[in-house]
Amino acid sequence: MNTNILFFEKGDRTKEVWFFEHPYPVGYKSYSRSKPLTIGEFEREKKWWGGAARKGRRKSEYAWKVSAKEIAERNYNLDCKNPYAVEVNHGDPEVLMEEYLEIDRQLEEALNALKNELMDALN
């Protein structure tokens, strides 16, 4: 999981909103009161931002922009997913369980065969 940070330009009418996907630090599943977001975690964002001139800022695997028009069409819903994120499809849980049970059965069969081979070798 990640946290999205939104960037707006002050002083002018909003034409687009930049989103930046801030990955959690290793070991974090979310931020909380005991594990807060700290300023030291913003190096990637500061480098991307491009300083006061916004020089070099561009779309990347972490950053994308959405037009104000598109946000208005979404009824101002700012839950905009990262278009560069790779969606993982883990498959149908029932099919996965069937596959797991078959693998478990095969493993049990192999263990029994190994046990029989060892017993025959020792006798």
PDB file of N, CA and C in Angstrom:
ATOM      1  N   MET A   1       0.835  -1.179   0.000  1.00  0.00           N
ATOM      2  CA  MET A   1       0.000   0.000   0.000  1.00  0.00           C
ATOM      3  C   MET A   1       0.877   1.238   0.000  1.00  0.00           C
ATOM      4  N   ASN A   2       0.285   2.321  -0.463  1.00  0.00           N
ATOM      5  CA  ASN A   2       0.988   3.583  -0.515  1.00  0.00           C
ATOM      6  C   ASN A   2       0.049   4.710  -0.134  1.00  0.00           C
ATOM      7  N   THR A   3       0.627   5.866   0.098  1.00  0.00           N
ATOM      8  CA  THR A   3      -0.129   7.072   0.396  1.00  0.00           C
ATOM      9  C   THR A   3       0.053   8.035  -0.760  1.00  0.00           C
ATOM     10  N   ASN A   4      -1.035   8.611  -1.252  1.00  0.00           N
ATOM     11  CA  ASN A   4      -0.950   9.600  -2.319  1.00  0.00           C
ATOM     12  C   ASN A   4      -0.899  10.993  -1.719  1.00  0.00           C
ATOM     13  N   ILE A   5       0.003  11.810  -2.241  1.00  0.00           N
ATOM     14  CA  ILE A   5       0.134  13.201  -1.846  1.00  0.00           C
ATOM     15  C   ILE A   5      -0.298  14.030  -3.054  1.00  0.00           C
ATOM     16  N   LEU A   6      -1.134  15.041  -2.816  1.00  0.00           N
ATOM     17  CA  LEU A   6      -1.634  15.891  -3.891  1.00  0.00           C
ATOM     18  C   LEU A   6      -0.909  17.225  -3.859  1.00  0.00           C
ATOM     19  N   PHE A   7      -0.601  17.775  -5.055  1.00  0.00           N
ATOM     20  CA  PHE A   7       0.085  19.053  -5.167  1.00  0.00           C
ATOM     21  C   PHE A   7      -0.773  20.011  -5.982  1.00  0.00           C
ATOM     22  N   PHE A   8      -1.013  21.186  -5.392  1.00  0.00           N
ATOM     23  CA  PHE A   8      -1.745  22.255  -6.061  1.00  0.00           C
ATOM     24  C   PHE A   8      -0.817  23.459  -6.172  1.00  0.00           C
ATOM     25  N   GLU A   9      -1.016  24.286  -7.179  1.00  0.00           N
ATOM     26  CA  GLU A   9      -0.240  25.512  -7.329  1.00  0.00           C
ATOM     27  C   GLU A   9      -0.990  26.661  -6.667  1.00  0.00           C
ATOM     28  N   LYS A  10      -0.321  27.382  -5.785  1.00  0.00           N
ATOM     29  CA  LYS A  10      -0.905  28.521  -5.090  1.00  0.00           C
ATOM     30  C   LYS A  10      -0.872  29.753  -5.999  1.00  0.00           C
ATOM     31  N   GLY A  11      -1.929  30.554  -5.923  1.00  0.00           N
ATOM     32  CA  GLY A  11      -1.926  31.833  -6.608  1.00  0.00           C
ATOM     33  C   GLY A  11      -2.548  31.833  -7.985  1.00  0.00           C
ATOM     34  N   ASP A  12      -2.901  30.698  -8.516  1.00  0.00           N
ATOM     35  CA  ASP A  12      -3.510  30.642  -9.840  1.00  0.00           C
ATOM     36  C   ASP A  12      -4.640  29.630  -9.780  1.00  0.00           C
ATOM     37  N   ARG A  13      -5.521  29.725 -10.735  1.00  0.00           N
ATOM     38  CA  ARG A  13      -6.620  28.773 -10.818  1.00  0.00           C
ATOM     39  C   ARG A  13      -6.069  27.376 -11.119  1.00  0.00           C
ATOM     40  N   THR A  14      -6.603  26.370 -10.442  1.00  0.00           N
ATOM     41  CA  THR A  14      -6.112  25.003 -10.609  1.00  0.00           C
ATOM     42  C   THR A  14      -6.525  24.466 -11.973  1.00  0.00           C
ATOM     43  N   LYS A  15      -5.529  24.109 -12.775  1.00  0.00           N
ATOM     44  CA  LYS A  15      -5.779  23.512 -14.089  1.00  0.00           C
ATOM     45  C   LYS A  15      -5.521  22.015 -14.046  1.00  0.00           C
ATOM     46  N   GLU A  16      -4.631  21.628 -13.154  1.00  0.00           N
ATOM     47  CA  GLU A  16      -4.291  20.209 -13.001  1.00  0.00           C
ATOM     48  C   GLU A  16      -3.805  19.972 -11.573  1.00  0.00           C
ATOM     49  N   VAL A  17      -3.936  18.746 -11.145  1.00  0.00           N
ATOM     50  CA  VAL A  17      -3.490  18.348  -9.818  1.00  0.00           C
ATOM     51  C   VAL A  17      -2.461  17.246 -10.000  1.00  0.00           C
ATOM     52  N   TRP A  18      -1.303  17.445  -9.403  1.00  0.00           N
ATOM     53  CA  TRP A  18      -0.274  16.423  -9.423  1.00  0.00           C
ATOM     54  C   TRP A  18      -0.492  15.479  -8.254  1.00  0.00           C
ATOM     55  N   PHE A  19      -0.384  14.209  -8.515  1.00  0.00           N
ATOM     56  CA  PHE A  19      -0.449  13.177  -7.487  1.00  0.00           C
ATOM     57  C   PHE A  19       0.936  12.548  -7.398  1.00  0.00           C
ATOM     58  N   PHE A  20       1.348  12.241  -6.180  1.00  0.00           N
ATOM     59  CA  PHE A  20       2.617  11.561  -5.979  1.00  0.00           C
ATOM     60  C   PHE A  20       2.367  10.418  -5.025  1.00  0.00           C
ATOM     61  N   GLU A  21       2.695   9.212  -5.462  1.00  0.00           N
ATOM     62  CA  GLU A  21       2.491   8.019  -4.646  1.00  0.00           C
ATOM     63  C   GLU A  21       3.697   7.848  -3.726  1.00  0.00           C
ATOM     64  N   HIS A  22       3.458   8.067  -2.458  1.00  0.00           N
ATOM     65  CA  HIS A  22       4.524   7.981  -1.456  1.00  0.00           C
ATOM     66  C   HIS A  22       4.535   6.570  -0.877  1.00  0.00           C
ATOM     67  N   PRO A  23       5.561   5.778  -1.207  1.00  0.00           N
ATOM     68  CA  PRO A  23       5.599   4.412  -0.680  1.00  0.00           C
ATOM     69  C   PRO A  23       5.901   4.408   0.817  1.00  0.00           C
ATOM     70  N   TYR A  24       5.291   3.472   1.525  1.00  0.00           N
ATOM     71  CA  TYR A  24       5.559   3.338   2.956  1.00  0.00           C
ATOM     72  C   TYR A  24       6.978   2.835   3.167  1.00  0.00           C
ATOM     73  N   PRO A  25       7.585   3.235   4.279  1.00  0.00           N
ATOM     74  CA  PRO A  25       8.908   2.697   4.612  1.00  0.00           C
ATOM     75  C   PRO A  25       8.822   1.192   4.874  1.00  0.00           C
ATOM     76  N   VAL A  26       9.950   0.528   4.783  1.00  0.00           N
ATOM     77  CA  VAL A  26      10.007  -0.911   5.033  1.00  0.00           C
ATOM     78  C   VAL A  26       9.458  -1.196   6.430  1.00  0.00           C
ATOM     79  N   GLY A  27       8.570  -2.180   6.507  1.00  0.00           N
ATOM     80  CA  GLY A  27       7.987  -2.566   7.782  1.00  0.00           C
ATOM     81  C   GLY A  27       6.696  -1.857   8.125  1.00  0.00           C
ATOM     82  N   TYR A  28       6.321  -0.852   7.346  1.00  0.00           N
ATOM     83  CA  TYR A  28       5.079  -0.108   7.593  1.00  0.00           C
ATOM     84  C   TYR A  28       3.977  -0.643   6.691  1.00  0.00           C
ATOM     85  N   LYS A  29       2.778  -0.767   7.241  1.00  0.00           N
ATOM     86  CA  LYS A  29       1.603  -1.084   6.425  1.00  0.00           C
ATOM     87  C   LYS A  29       0.724   0.154   6.289  1.00  0.00           C
ATOM     88  N   SER A  30       0.926   1.115   7.189  1.00  0.00           N
ATOM     89  CA  SER A  30       0.227   2.386   7.161  1.00  0.00           C
ATOM     90  C   SER A  30       0.906   3.323   8.144  1.00  0.00           C
ATOM     91  N   TYR A  31       0.519   4.590   8.098  1.00  0.00           N
ATOM     92  CA  TYR A  31       0.995   5.543   9.088  1.00  0.00           C
ATOM     93  C   TYR A  31      -0.020   5.581  10.226  1.00  0.00           C
ATOM     94  N   SER A  32       0.490   5.871  11.417  1.00  0.00           N
ATOM     95  CA  SER A  32      -0.383   5.942  12.578  1.00  0.00           C
ATOM     96  C   SER A  32       0.223   6.922  13.578  1.00  0.00           C
ATOM     97  N   ARG A  33      -0.416   7.059  14.709  1.00  0.00           N
ATOM     98  CA  ARG A  33       0.106   7.946  15.741  1.00  0.00           C
ATOM     99  C   ARG A  33       1.469   7.465  16.234  1.00  0.00           C
ATOM    100  N   SER A  34       1.642   6.142  16.314  1.00  0.00           N
ATOM    101  CA  SER A  34       2.927   5.611  16.782  1.00  0.00           C
ATOM    102  C   SER A  34       3.951   5.477  15.652  1.00  0.00           C
ATOM    103  N   LYS A  35       3.490   5.510  14.407  1.00  0.00           N
ATOM    104  CA  LYS A  35       4.382   5.462  13.239  1.00  0.00           C
ATOM    105  C   LYS A  35       3.984   6.589  12.280  1.00  0.00           C
ATOM    106  N   PRO A  36       4.295   7.840  12.651  1.00  0.00           N
ATOM    107  CA  PRO A  36       3.856   8.965  11.813  1.00  0.00           C
ATOM    108  C   PRO A  36       4.749   9.182  10.593  1.00  0.00           C
ATOM    109  N   LEU A  37       4.203   9.878   9.626  1.00  0.00           N
ATOM    110  CA  LEU A  37       4.954  10.319   8.458  1.00  0.00           C
ATOM    111  C   LEU A  37       5.921  11.399   8.933  1.00  0.00           C
ATOM    112  N   THR A  38       7.191  11.292   8.543  1.00  0.00           N
ATOM    113  CA  THR A  38       8.194  12.273   8.973  1.00  0.00           C
ATOM    114  C   THR A  38       8.752  13.016   7.768  1.00  0.00           C
ATOM    115  N   ILE A  39       9.253  14.209   8.024  1.00  0.00           N
ATOM    116  CA  ILE A  39       9.797  15.047   6.950  1.00  0.00           C
ATOM    117  C   ILE A  39      10.981  14.369   6.265  1.00  0.00           C
ATOM    118  N   GLY A  40      11.706  13.540   6.971  1.00  0.00           N
ATOM    119  CA  GLY A  40      12.853  12.845   6.397  1.00  0.00           C
ATOM    120  C   GLY A  40      12.486  11.852   5.308  1.00  0.00           C
ATOM    121  N   GLU A  41      11.206  11.498   5.222  1.00  0.00           N
ATOM    122  CA  GLU A  41      10.757  10.544   4.211  1.00  0.00           C
ATOM    123  C   GLU A  41      10.411  11.199   2.879  1.00  0.00           C
ATOM    124  N   PHE A  42      10.571  12.513   2.765  1.00  0.00           N
ATOM    125  CA  PHE A  42      10.146  13.239   1.578  1.00  0.00           C
ATOM    126  C   PHE A  42      11.259  13.536   0.584  1.00  0.00           C
ATOM    127  N   GLU A  43      12.392  12.858   0.673  1.00  0.00           N
ATOM    128  CA  GLU A  43      13.493  13.150  -0.252  1.00  0.00           C
ATOM    129  C   GLU A  43      13.104  12.880  -1.704  1.00  0.00           C
ATOM    130  N   ARG A  44      12.421  11.796  -1.954  1.00  0.00           N
ATOM    131  CA  ARG A  44      12.002  11.466  -3.322  1.00  0.00           C
ATOM    132  C   ARG A  44      11.077  12.560  -3.873  1.00  0.00           C
ATOM    133  N   GLU A  45      10.134  12.997  -3.065  1.00  0.00           N
ATOM    134  CA  GLU A  45       9.197  14.039  -3.491  1.00  0.00           C
ATOM    135  C   GLU A  45       9.912  15.369  -3.709  1.00  0.00           C
ATOM    136  N   LYS A  46      10.822  15.736  -2.808  1.00  0.00           N
ATOM    137  CA  LYS A  46      11.538  17.007  -2.955  1.00  0.00           C
ATOM    138  C   LYS A  46      12.383  17.011  -4.232  1.00  0.00           C
ATOM    139  N   LYS A  47      13.023  15.913  -4.518  1.00  0.00           N
ATOM    140  CA  LYS A  47      13.829  15.817  -5.744  1.00  0.00           C
ATOM    141  C   LYS A  47      12.933  15.942  -6.976  1.00  0.00           C
ATOM    142  N   TRP A  48      11.790  15.275  -6.956  1.00  0.00           N
ATOM    143  CA  TRP A  48      10.854  15.313  -8.083  1.00  0.00           C
ATOM    144  C   TRP A  48      10.248  16.697  -8.259  1.00  0.00           C
ATOM    145  N   TRP A  49       9.952  17.408  -7.167  1.00  0.00           N
ATOM    146  CA  TRP A  49       9.246  18.683  -7.210  1.00  0.00           C
ATOM    147  C   TRP A  49       9.975  19.703  -8.080  1.00  0.00           C
ATOM    148  N   GLY A  50      11.285  19.692  -8.095  1.00  0.00           N
ATOM    149  CA  GLY A  50      12.033  20.581  -8.977  1.00  0.00           C
ATOM    150  C   GLY A  50      12.245  21.978  -8.443  1.00  0.00           C
ATOM    151  N   GLY A  51      12.154  22.163  -7.141  1.00  0.00           N
ATOM    152  CA  GLY A  51      12.407  23.472  -6.542  1.00  0.00           C
ATOM    153  C   GLY A  51      11.359  24.500  -6.909  1.00  0.00           C
ATOM    154  N   ALA A  52      11.685  25.771  -6.649  1.00  0.00           N
ATOM    155  CA  ALA A  52      10.742  26.874  -6.878  1.00  0.00           C
ATOM    156  C   ALA A  52      10.356  26.995  -8.344  1.00  0.00           C
ATOM    157  N   ALA A  53      11.259  26.650  -9.240  1.00  0.00           N
ATOM    158  CA  ALA A  53      10.983  26.756 -10.682  1.00  0.00           C
ATOM    159  C   ALA A  53      10.249  25.536 -11.225  1.00  0.00           C
ATOM    160  N   ARG A  54      10.086  24.514 -10.385  1.00  0.00           N
ATOM    161  CA  ARG A  54       9.436  23.248 -10.809  1.00  0.00           C
ATOM    162  C   ARG A  54      10.188  22.635 -11.984  1.00  0.00           C
ATOM    163  N   LYS A  55      11.489  22.867 -12.031  1.00  0.00           N
ATOM    164  CA  LYS A  55      12.304  22.422 -13.150  1.00  0.00           C
ATOM    165  C   LYS A  55      12.492  20.909 -13.120  1.00  0.00           C
ATOM    166  N   GLY A  56      12.208  20.267 -14.234  1.00  0.00           N
ATOM    167  CA  GLY A  56      12.434  18.832 -14.372  1.00  0.00           C
ATOM    168  C   GLY A  56      11.305  17.953 -13.855  1.00  0.00           C
ATOM    169  N   ARG A  57      10.247  18.558 -13.340  1.00  0.00           N
ATOM    170  CA  ARG A  57       9.143  17.745 -12.815  1.00  0.00           C
ATOM    171  C   ARG A  57       8.416  17.088 -13.979  1.00  0.00           C
ATOM    172  N   ARG A  58       8.209  15.773 -13.865  1.00  0.00           N
ATOM    173  CA  ARG A  58       7.512  15.063 -14.939  1.00  0.00           C
ATOM    174  C   ARG A  58       6.828  13.815 -14.375  1.00  0.00           C
ATOM    175  N   LYS A  59       6.031  13.211 -15.205  1.00  0.00           N
ATOM    176  CA  LYS A  59       5.334  11.985 -14.832  1.00  0.00           C
ATOM    177  C   LYS A  59       6.358  10.875 -14.632  1.00  0.00           C
ATOM    178  N   SER A  60       6.054   9.975 -13.716  1.00  0.00           N
ATOM    179  CA  SER A  60       6.939   8.842 -13.456  1.00  0.00           C
ATOM    180  C   SER A  60       6.110   7.720 -12.853  1.00  0.00           C
ATOM    181  N   GLU A  61       6.772   6.663 -12.419  1.00  0.00           N
ATOM    182  CA  GLU A  61       6.053   5.558 -11.795  1.00  0.00           C
ATOM    183  C   GLU A  61       5.401   5.995 -10.493  1.00  0.00           C
ATOM    184  N   TYR A  62       5.864   7.108  -9.907  1.00  0.00           N
ATOM    185  CA  TYR A  62       5.307   7.618  -8.657  1.00  0.00           C
ATOM    186  C   TYR A  62       4.429   8.846  -8.851  1.00  0.00           C
ATOM    187  N   ALA A  63       4.572   9.550  -9.971  1.00  0.00           N
ATOM    188  CA  ALA A  63       3.904  10.837 -10.146  1.00  0.00           C
ATOM    189  C   ALA A  63       3.058  10.868 -11.413  1.00  0.00           C
ATOM    190  N   TRP A  64       1.881  11.457 -11.294  1.00  0.00           N
ATOM    191  CA  TRP A  64       0.998  11.638 -12.439  1.00  0.00           C
ATOM    192  C   TRP A  64       0.116  12.845 -12.170  1.00  0.00           C
ATOM    193  N   LYS A  65      -0.470  13.386 -13.218  1.00  0.00           N
ATOM    194  CA  LYS A  65      -1.350  14.529 -13.020  1.00  0.00           C
ATOM    195  C   LYS A  65      -2.714  14.247 -13.622  1.00  0.00           C
ATOM    196  N   VAL A  66      -3.699  14.908 -13.040  1.00  0.00           N
ATOM    197  CA  VAL A  66      -5.079  14.772 -13.473  1.00  0.00           C
ATOM    198  C   VAL A  66      -5.609  16.182 -13.673  1.00  0.00           C
ATOM    199  N   SER A  67      -6.282  16.406 -14.779  1.00  0.00           N
ATOM    200  CA  SER A  67      -6.796  17.744 -15.069  1.00  0.00           C
ATOM    201  C   SER A  67      -7.942  18.097 -14.132  1.00  0.00           C
ATOM    202  N   ALA A  68      -8.101  19.390 -13.881  1.00  0.00           N
ATOM    203  CA  ALA A  68      -9.205  19.857 -13.041  1.00  0.00           C
ATOM    204  C   ALA A  68     -10.535  19.477 -13.676  1.00  0.00           C
ATOM    205  N   LYS A  69     -10.590  19.479 -14.997  1.00  0.00           N
ATOM    206  CA  LYS A  69     -11.809  19.092 -15.701  1.00  0.00           C
ATOM    207  C   LYS A  69     -12.178  17.642 -15.390  1.00  0.00           C
ATOM    208  N   GLU A  70     -11.179  16.756 -15.443  1.00  0.00           N
ATOM    209  CA  GLU A  70     -11.442  15.342 -15.151  1.00  0.00           C
ATOM    210  C   GLU A  70     -11.886  15.156 -13.701  1.00  0.00           C
ATOM    211  N   ILE A  71     -11.268  15.899 -12.790  1.00  0.00           N
ATOM    212  CA  ILE A  71     -11.666  15.805 -11.381  1.00  0.00           C
ATOM    213  C   ILE A  71     -13.100  16.286 -11.205  1.00  0.00           C
ATOM    214  N   ALA A  72     -13.465  17.362 -11.894  1.00  0.00           N
ATOM    215  CA  ALA A  72     -14.851  17.851 -11.832  1.00  0.00           C
ATOM    216  C   ALA A  72     -15.818  16.798 -12.373  1.00  0.00           C
ATOM    217  N   GLU A  73     -15.425  16.134 -13.468  1.00  0.00           N
ATOM    218  CA  GLU A  73     -16.264  15.077 -14.047  1.00  0.00           C
ATOM    219  C   GLU A  73     -16.406  13.887 -13.101  1.00  0.00           C
ATOM    220  N   ARG A  74     -15.446  13.721 -12.216  1.00  0.00           N
ATOM    221  CA  ARG A  74     -15.493  12.645 -11.222  1.00  0.00           C
ATOM    222  C   ARG A  74     -16.237  13.097  -9.959  1.00  0.00           C
ATOM    223  N   ASN A  75     -16.967  14.206 -10.068  1.00  0.00           N
ATOM    224  CA  ASN A  75     -17.698  14.784  -8.941  1.00  0.00           C
ATOM    225  C   ASN A  75     -16.732  15.151  -7.809  1.00  0.00           C
ATOM    226  N   TYR A  76     -15.550  15.635  -8.204  1.00  0.00           N
ATOM    227  CA  TYR A  76     -14.502  16.087  -7.301  1.00  0.00           C
ATOM    228  C   TYR A  76     -13.974  14.991  -6.379  1.00  0.00           C
ATOM    229  N   ASN A  77     -14.085  13.766  -6.835  1.00  0.00           N
ATOM    230  CA  ASN A  77     -13.507  12.637  -6.114  1.00  0.00           C
ATOM    231  C   ASN A  77     -12.006  12.626  -6.415  1.00  0.00           C
ATOM    232  N   LEU A  78     -11.195  12.782  -5.388  1.00  0.00           N
ATOM    233  CA  LEU A  78      -9.743  12.841  -5.563  1.00  0.00           C
ATOM    234  C   LEU A  78      -9.067  11.486  -5.369  1.00  0.00           C
ATOM    235  N   ASP A  79      -9.844  10.425  -5.327  1.00  0.00           N
ATOM    236  CA  ASP A  79      -9.282   9.078  -5.209  1.00  0.00           C
ATOM    237  C   ASP A  79      -8.875   8.606  -6.603  1.00  0.00           C
ATOM    238  N   CYS A  80      -7.768   9.146  -7.079  1.00  0.00           N
ATOM    239  CA  CYS A  80      -7.272   8.835  -8.421  1.00  0.00           C
ATOM    240  C   CYS A  80      -6.125   7.830  -8.302  1.00  0.00           C
ATOM    241  N   LYS A  81      -6.323   6.664  -8.834  1.00  0.00           N
ATOM    242  CA  LYS A  81      -5.324   5.597  -8.740  1.00  0.00           C
ATOM    243  C   LYS A  81      -4.138   5.881  -9.652  1.00  0.00           C
ATOM    244  N   ASN A  82      -2.994   5.390  -9.249  1.00  0.00           N
ATOM    245  CA  ASN A  82      -1.768   5.539 -10.031  1.00  0.00           C
ATOM    246  C   ASN A  82      -1.935   4.780 -11.353  1.00  0.00           C
ATOM    247  N   PRO A  83      -1.893   5.482 -12.481  1.00  0.00           N
ATOM    248  CA  PRO A  83      -2.059   4.800 -13.764  1.00  0.00           C
ATOM    249  C   PRO A  83      -0.868   3.929 -14.148  1.00  0.00           C
ATOM    250  N   TYR A  84       0.240   4.082 -13.426  1.00  0.00           N
ATOM    251  CA  TYR A  84       1.437   3.302 -13.733  1.00  0.00           C
ATOM    252  C   TYR A  84       1.583   2.076 -12.845  1.00  0.00           C
ATOM    253  N   ALA A  85       0.700   1.949 -11.871  1.00  0.00           N
ATOM    254  CA  ALA A  85       0.772   0.814 -10.952  1.00  0.00           C
ATOM    255  C   ALA A  85       0.389  -0.463 -11.682  1.00  0.00           C
ATOM    256  N   VAL A  86       1.087  -1.519 -11.371  1.00  0.00           N
ATOM    257  CA  VAL A  86       0.810  -2.821 -11.955  1.00  0.00           C
ATOM    258  C   VAL A  86      -0.201  -3.519 -11.056  1.00  0.00           C
ATOM    259  N   GLU A  87      -1.336  -3.849 -11.630  1.00  0.00           N
ATOM    260  CA  GLU A  87      -2.362  -4.529 -10.853  1.00  0.00           C
ATOM    261  C   GLU A  87      -2.044  -6.011 -10.790  1.00  0.00           C
ATOM    262  N   VAL A  88      -2.100  -6.545  -9.584  1.00  0.00           N
ATOM    263  CA  VAL A  88      -1.806  -7.960  -9.378  1.00  0.00           C
ATOM    264  C   VAL A  88      -3.118  -8.709  -9.234  1.00  0.00           C
ATOM    265  N   ASN A  89      -3.294  -9.722 -10.069  1.00  0.00           N
ATOM    266  CA  ASN A  89      -4.483 -10.561  -9.988  1.00  0.00           C
ATOM    267  C   ASN A  89      -4.051 -11.893  -9.382  1.00  0.00           C
ATOM    268  N   HIS A  90      -4.483 -12.124  -8.168  1.00  0.00           N
ATOM    269  CA  HIS A  90      -4.086 -13.350  -7.477  1.00  0.00           C
ATOM    270  C   HIS A  90      -4.942 -14.541  -7.875  1.00  0.00           C
ATOM    271  N   GLY A  91      -5.985 -14.323  -8.636  1.00  0.00           N
ATOM    272  CA  GLY A  91      -6.824 -15.415  -9.099  1.00  0.00           C
ATOM    273  C   GLY A  91      -8.000 -15.686  -8.183  1.00  0.00           C
ATOM    274  N   ASP A  92      -8.798 -16.614  -8.605  1.00  0.00           N
ATOM    275  CA  ASP A  92      -9.997 -17.010  -7.872  1.00  0.00           C
ATOM    276  C   ASP A  92      -9.581 -17.801  -6.638  1.00  0.00           C
ATOM    277  N   PRO A  93     -10.001 -17.387  -5.440  1.00  0.00           N
ATOM    278  CA  PRO A  93      -9.609 -18.096  -4.218  1.00  0.00           C
ATOM    279  C   PRO A  93     -10.001 -19.574  -4.221  1.00  0.00           C
ATOM    280  N   GLU A  94     -11.139 -19.912  -4.803  1.00  0.00           N
ATOM    281  CA  GLU A  94     -11.565 -21.322  -4.832  1.00  0.00           C
ATOM    282  C   GLU A  94     -10.629 -22.153  -5.697  1.00  0.00           C
ATOM    283  N   VAL A  95     -10.225 -21.611  -6.842  1.00  0.00           N
ATOM    284  CA  VAL A  95      -9.292 -22.321  -7.726  1.00  0.00           C
ATOM    285  C   VAL A  95      -7.934 -22.446  -7.043  1.00  0.00           C
ATOM    286  N   LEU A  96      -7.493 -21.366  -6.395  1.00  0.00           N
ATOM    287  CA  LEU A  96      -6.215 -21.403  -5.686  1.00  0.00           C
ATOM    288  C   LEU A  96      -6.237 -22.451  -4.575  1.00  0.00           C
ATOM    289  N   MET A  97      -7.353 -22.548  -3.859  1.00  0.00           N
ATOM    290  CA  MET A  97      -7.459 -23.541  -2.784  1.00  0.00           C
ATOM    291  C   MET A  97      -7.413 -24.955  -3.349  1.00  0.00           C
ATOM    292  N   GLU A  98      -8.079 -25.176  -4.476  1.00  0.00           N
ATOM    293  CA  GLU A  98      -8.031 -26.497  -5.116  1.00  0.00           C
ATOM    294  C   GLU A  98      -6.599 -26.846  -5.515  1.00  0.00           C
ATOM    295  N   GLU A  99      -5.888 -25.886  -6.091  1.00  0.00           N
ATOM    296  CA  GLU A  99      -4.496 -26.109  -6.478  1.00  0.00           C
ATOM    297  C   GLU A  99      -3.637 -26.397  -5.250  1.00  0.00           C
ATOM    298  N   TYR A 100      -3.862 -25.646  -4.188  1.00  0.00           N
ATOM    299  CA  TYR A 100      -3.105 -25.866  -2.960  1.00  0.00           C
ATOM    300  C   TYR A 100      -3.355 -27.274  -2.420  1.00  0.00           C
ATOM    301  N   LEU A 101      -4.615 -27.673  -2.375  1.00  0.00           N
ATOM    302  CA  LEU A 101      -4.938 -29.001  -1.849  1.00  0.00           C
ATOM    303  C   LEU A 101      -4.312 -30.111  -2.699  1.00  0.00           C
ATOM    304  N   GLU A 102      -4.279 -29.914  -4.012  1.00  0.00           N
ATOM    305  CA  GLU A 102      -3.647 -30.903  -4.894  1.00  0.00           C
ATOM    306  C   GLU A 102      -2.145 -30.962  -4.638  1.00  0.00           C
ATOM    307  N   ILE A 103      -1.522 -29.829  -4.488  1.00  0.00           N
ATOM    308  CA  ILE A 103      -0.077 -29.796  -4.196  1.00  0.00           C
ATOM    309  C   ILE A 103       0.187 -30.439  -2.840  1.00  0.00           C
ATOM    310  N   ASP A 104      -0.662 -30.162  -1.865  1.00  0.00           N
ATOM    311  CA  ASP A 104      -0.523 -30.760  -0.538  1.00  0.00           C
ATOM    312  C   ASP A 104      -0.655 -32.283  -0.617  1.00  0.00           C
ATOM    313  N   ARG A 105      -1.611 -32.758  -1.427  1.00  0.00           N
ATOM    314  CA  ARG A 105      -1.808 -34.206  -1.604  1.00  0.00           C
ATOM    315  C   ARG A 105      -0.569 -34.828  -2.237  1.00  0.00           C
ATOM    316  N   GLN A 106      -0.022 -34.172  -3.284  1.00  0.00           N
ATOM    317  CA  GLN A 106       1.177 -34.674  -3.953  1.00  0.00           C
ATOM    318  C   GLN A 106       2.372 -34.695  -3.005  1.00  0.00           C
ATOM    319  N   LEU A 107       2.484 -33.692  -2.175  1.00  0.00           N
ATOM    320  CA  LEU A 107       3.572 -33.633  -1.202  1.00  0.00           C
ATOM    321  C   LEU A 107       3.448 -34.772  -0.192  1.00  0.00           C
ATOM    322  N   GLU A 108       2.245 -35.009   0.293  1.00  0.00           N
ATOM    323  CA  GLU A 108       2.003 -36.113   1.237  1.00  0.00           C
ATOM    324  C   GLU A 108       2.361 -37.452   0.588  1.00  0.00           C
ATOM    325  N   GLU A 109       1.995 -37.602  -0.673  1.00  0.00           N
ATOM    326  CA  GLU A 109       2.305 -38.830  -1.419  1.00  0.00           C
ATOM    327  C   GLU A 109       3.824 -39.005  -1.555  1.00  0.00           C
ATOM    328  N   ALA A 110       4.516 -37.931  -1.875  1.00  0.00           N
ATOM    329  CA  ALA A 110       5.971 -37.988  -2.026  1.00  0.00           C
ATOM    330  C   ALA A 110       6.642 -38.298  -0.687  1.00  0.00           C
ATOM    331  N   LEU A 111       6.160 -37.712   0.389  1.00  0.00           N
ATOM    332  CA  LEU A 111       6.721 -37.992   1.714  1.00  0.00           C
ATOM    333  C   LEU A 111       6.517 -39.449   2.106  1.00  0.00           C
ATOM    334  N   ASN A 112       5.346 -39.975   1.818  1.00  0.00           N
ATOM    335  CA  ASN A 112       5.081 -41.383   2.116  1.00  0.00           C
ATOM    336  C   ASN A 112       5.983 -42.304   1.296  1.00  0.00           C
ATOM    337  N   ALA A 113       6.178 -41.964   0.011  1.00  0.00           N
ATOM    338  CA  ALA A 113       7.062 -42.765  -0.837  1.00  0.00           C
ATOM    339  C   ALA A 113       8.491 -42.715  -0.305  1.00  0.00           C
ATOM    340  N   LEU A 114       8.945 -41.543   0.103  1.00  0.00           N
ATOM    341  CA  LEU A 114      10.282 -41.401   0.659  1.00  0.00           C
ATOM    342  C   LEU A 114      10.417 -42.201   1.958  1.00  0.00           C
ATOM    343  N   LYS A 115       9.409 -42.106   2.789  1.00  0.00           N
ATOM    344  CA  LYS A 115       9.420 -42.854   4.050  1.00  0.00           C
ATOM    345  C   LYS A 115       9.506 -44.355   3.779  1.00  0.00           C
ATOM    346  N   ASN A 116       8.731 -44.848   2.808  1.00  0.00           N
ATOM    347  CA  ASN A 116       8.768 -46.273   2.460  1.00  0.00           C
ATOM    348  C   ASN A 116      10.145 -46.675   1.920  1.00  0.00           C
ATOM    349  N   GLU A 117      10.738 -45.840   1.083  1.00  0.00           N
ATOM    350  CA  GLU A 117      12.077 -46.121   0.556  1.00  0.00           C
ATOM    351  C   GLU A 117      13.103 -46.200   1.676  1.00  0.00           C
ATOM    352  N   LEU A 118      13.018 -45.286   2.626  1.00  0.00           N
ATOM    353  CA  LEU A 118      13.959 -45.299   3.750  1.00  0.00           C
ATOM    354  C   LEU A 118      13.751 -46.520   4.630  1.00  0.00           C
ATOM    355  N   MET A 119      12.494 -46.870   4.857  1.00  0.00           N
ATOM    356  CA  MET A 119      12.209 -48.071   5.671  1.00  0.00           C
ATOM    357  C   MET A 119      12.742 -49.320   4.980  1.00  0.00           C
ATOM    358  N   ASP A 120      12.558 -49.412   3.657  1.00  0.00           N
ATOM    359  CA  ASP A 120      13.062 -50.580   2.900  1.00  0.00           C
ATOM    360  C   ASP A 120      14.589 -50.622   2.961  1.00  0.00           C
ATOM    361  N   ALA A 121      15.233 -49.460   2.880  1.00  0.00           N
ATOM    362  CA  ALA A 121      16.696 -49.413   2.896  1.00  0.00           C
ATOM    363  C   ALA A 121      17.252 -49.785   4.255  1.00  0.00           C
ATOM    364  N   LEU A 122      16.548 -49.491   5.307  1.00  0.00           N
ATOM    365  CA  LEU A 122      17.012 -49.788   6.669  1.00  0.00           C
ATOM    366  C   LEU A 122      16.698 -51.228   7.105  1.00  0.00           C
ATOM    367  N   ASN A 123      15.788 -51.873   6.457  1.00  0.00           N
ATOM    368  CA  ASN A 123      15.414 -53.256   6.830  1.00  0.00           C
ATOM    369  C   ASN A 123      16.229 -54.260   6.086  1.00  0.00           C
TER     370      ASN A 123
END
